[in-house]
N, C-alpha and C. Protein backbone atom coordinates (compact mmCIF):
# COMPACT_ATOMS: atom_id res chain seq x y z
N UNK A 1 222.49 153.96 13.02
CA UNK A 1 221.51 154.53 12.53
C UNK A 1 221.23 153.91 10.98
N UNK A 2 219.90 153.32 10.69
CA UNK A 2 220.03 153.08 9.27
C UNK A 2 220.07 153.67 8.07
N UNK A 3 220.27 153.41 6.79
CA UNK A 3 220.22 154.57 5.86
C UNK A 3 218.95 155.11 6.13
N UNK A 4 217.47 154.54 6.02
CA UNK A 4 216.09 155.34 6.58
C UNK A 4 216.09 156.88 7.11
N UNK A 5 216.97 156.14 8.76
CA UNK A 5 216.75 157.19 9.38
C UNK A 5 217.21 158.26 9.24
N UNK A 6 218.50 158.03 8.12
CA UNK A 6 219.81 158.72 7.88
C UNK A 6 219.12 160.16 7.17
N UNK A 7 218.57 159.40 6.21
CA UNK A 7 217.66 160.07 5.02
C UNK A 7 216.82 161.35 5.48
N UNK A 8 216.24 160.16 6.34
CA UNK A 8 215.02 161.20 6.95
C UNK A 8 215.52 162.31 8.06
N UNK A 9 216.42 162.07 8.88
CA UNK A 9 217.37 163.36 9.41
C UNK A 9 217.83 164.20 8.53
N UNK A 10 218.38 163.82 7.14
CA UNK A 10 218.95 165.15 5.97
C UNK A 10 218.12 165.65 5.98
N UNK A 11 216.81 165.00 5.39
CA UNK A 11 215.91 165.80 4.79
C UNK A 11 214.94 166.83 6.18
N UNK A 12 215.09 166.09 7.39
CA UNK A 12 214.51 167.59 8.37
C UNK A 12 215.26 168.39 8.60
N UNK A 13 216.90 167.75 8.53
CA UNK A 13 217.65 169.29 8.58
C UNK A 13 217.84 170.03 7.23
N UNK A 14 217.80 169.39 5.95
CA UNK A 14 217.51 170.37 4.79
C UNK A 14 215.92 171.14 5.22
N UNK A 15 215.10 170.97 5.56
CA UNK A 15 213.88 171.88 5.43
C UNK A 15 214.00 173.23 6.68
N UNK A 16 214.58 172.36 7.55
CA UNK A 16 214.92 173.41 8.67
C UNK A 16 215.92 174.81 8.13
N UNK A 17 216.91 174.26 7.68
CA UNK A 17 218.42 175.30 6.87
C UNK A 17 217.38 175.88 5.99
N UNK A 18 216.72 175.52 5.32
CA UNK A 18 216.14 176.63 3.92
C UNK A 18 215.37 177.00 4.21
N UNK A 19 214.74 177.49 5.53
CA UNK A 19 214.11 178.31 5.94
C UNK A 19 214.83 180.14 6.71
N UNK A 20 216.45 179.27 6.98
CA UNK A 20 217.06 180.79 7.68
C UNK A 20 218.07 180.76 6.48
N UNK A 21 218.24 179.59 5.79
CA UNK A 21 219.59 180.38 4.50
C UNK A 21 218.96 180.33 3.19
N UNK A 22 217.98 179.97 2.59
CA UNK A 22 217.44 180.14 1.86
C UNK A 22 217.41 178.55 0.79
N UNK A 23 216.27 178.92 -0.36
CA UNK A 23 216.11 177.43 -1.25
C UNK A 23 218.00 176.99 -1.85
N UNK A 24 218.29 178.12 -2.18
CA UNK A 24 220.08 177.22 -2.96
C UNK A 24 220.54 176.80 -1.88
N UNK A 25 221.29 177.44 -1.03
CA UNK A 25 222.03 176.73 0.03
C UNK A 25 221.64 175.34 0.45
N UNK A 26 220.17 175.52 1.00
CA UNK A 26 219.53 174.36 1.48
C UNK A 26 219.49 172.79 0.56
N UNK A 27 219.56 173.71 -0.43
CA UNK A 27 218.90 172.41 -1.79
C UNK A 27 220.52 171.99 -2.21
N UNK A 28 221.25 172.84 -1.91
CA UNK A 28 222.58 171.86 -2.64
C UNK A 28 223.16 171.10 -1.92
N UNK A 29 223.23 169.79 -2.79
CA UNK A 29 223.68 168.12 -2.76
C UNK A 29 225.01 168.34 -1.92
N UNK A 30 225.57 168.88 -2.28
CA UNK A 30 227.39 168.48 -1.76
C UNK A 30 227.22 169.07 -0.23
N UNK A 31 226.21 170.38 0.52
CA UNK A 31 226.31 170.36 1.53
C UNK A 31 225.92 169.20 2.64
N UNK A 32 225.09 168.10 1.95
CA UNK A 32 224.47 167.16 2.71
C UNK A 32 225.30 165.67 2.91
N UNK A 33 226.52 165.99 1.91
CA UNK A 33 227.24 164.69 1.74
C UNK A 33 228.36 164.40 2.85
N UNK A 34 228.55 165.79 3.48
CA UNK A 34 230.15 165.67 4.03
C UNK A 34 229.69 165.54 5.53
N UNK A 35 228.18 165.14 5.71
CA UNK A 35 227.95 164.76 7.19
C UNK A 35 228.65 163.23 7.68
């Protein structure tokens, strides 16, 4: 998977998480660097 595809996947995941967990957790940068 190239960088652009990875970034797109993270953005989609972030949007779906935001609906269920709230904006603060969904937008926290630290969560998305662990993957």
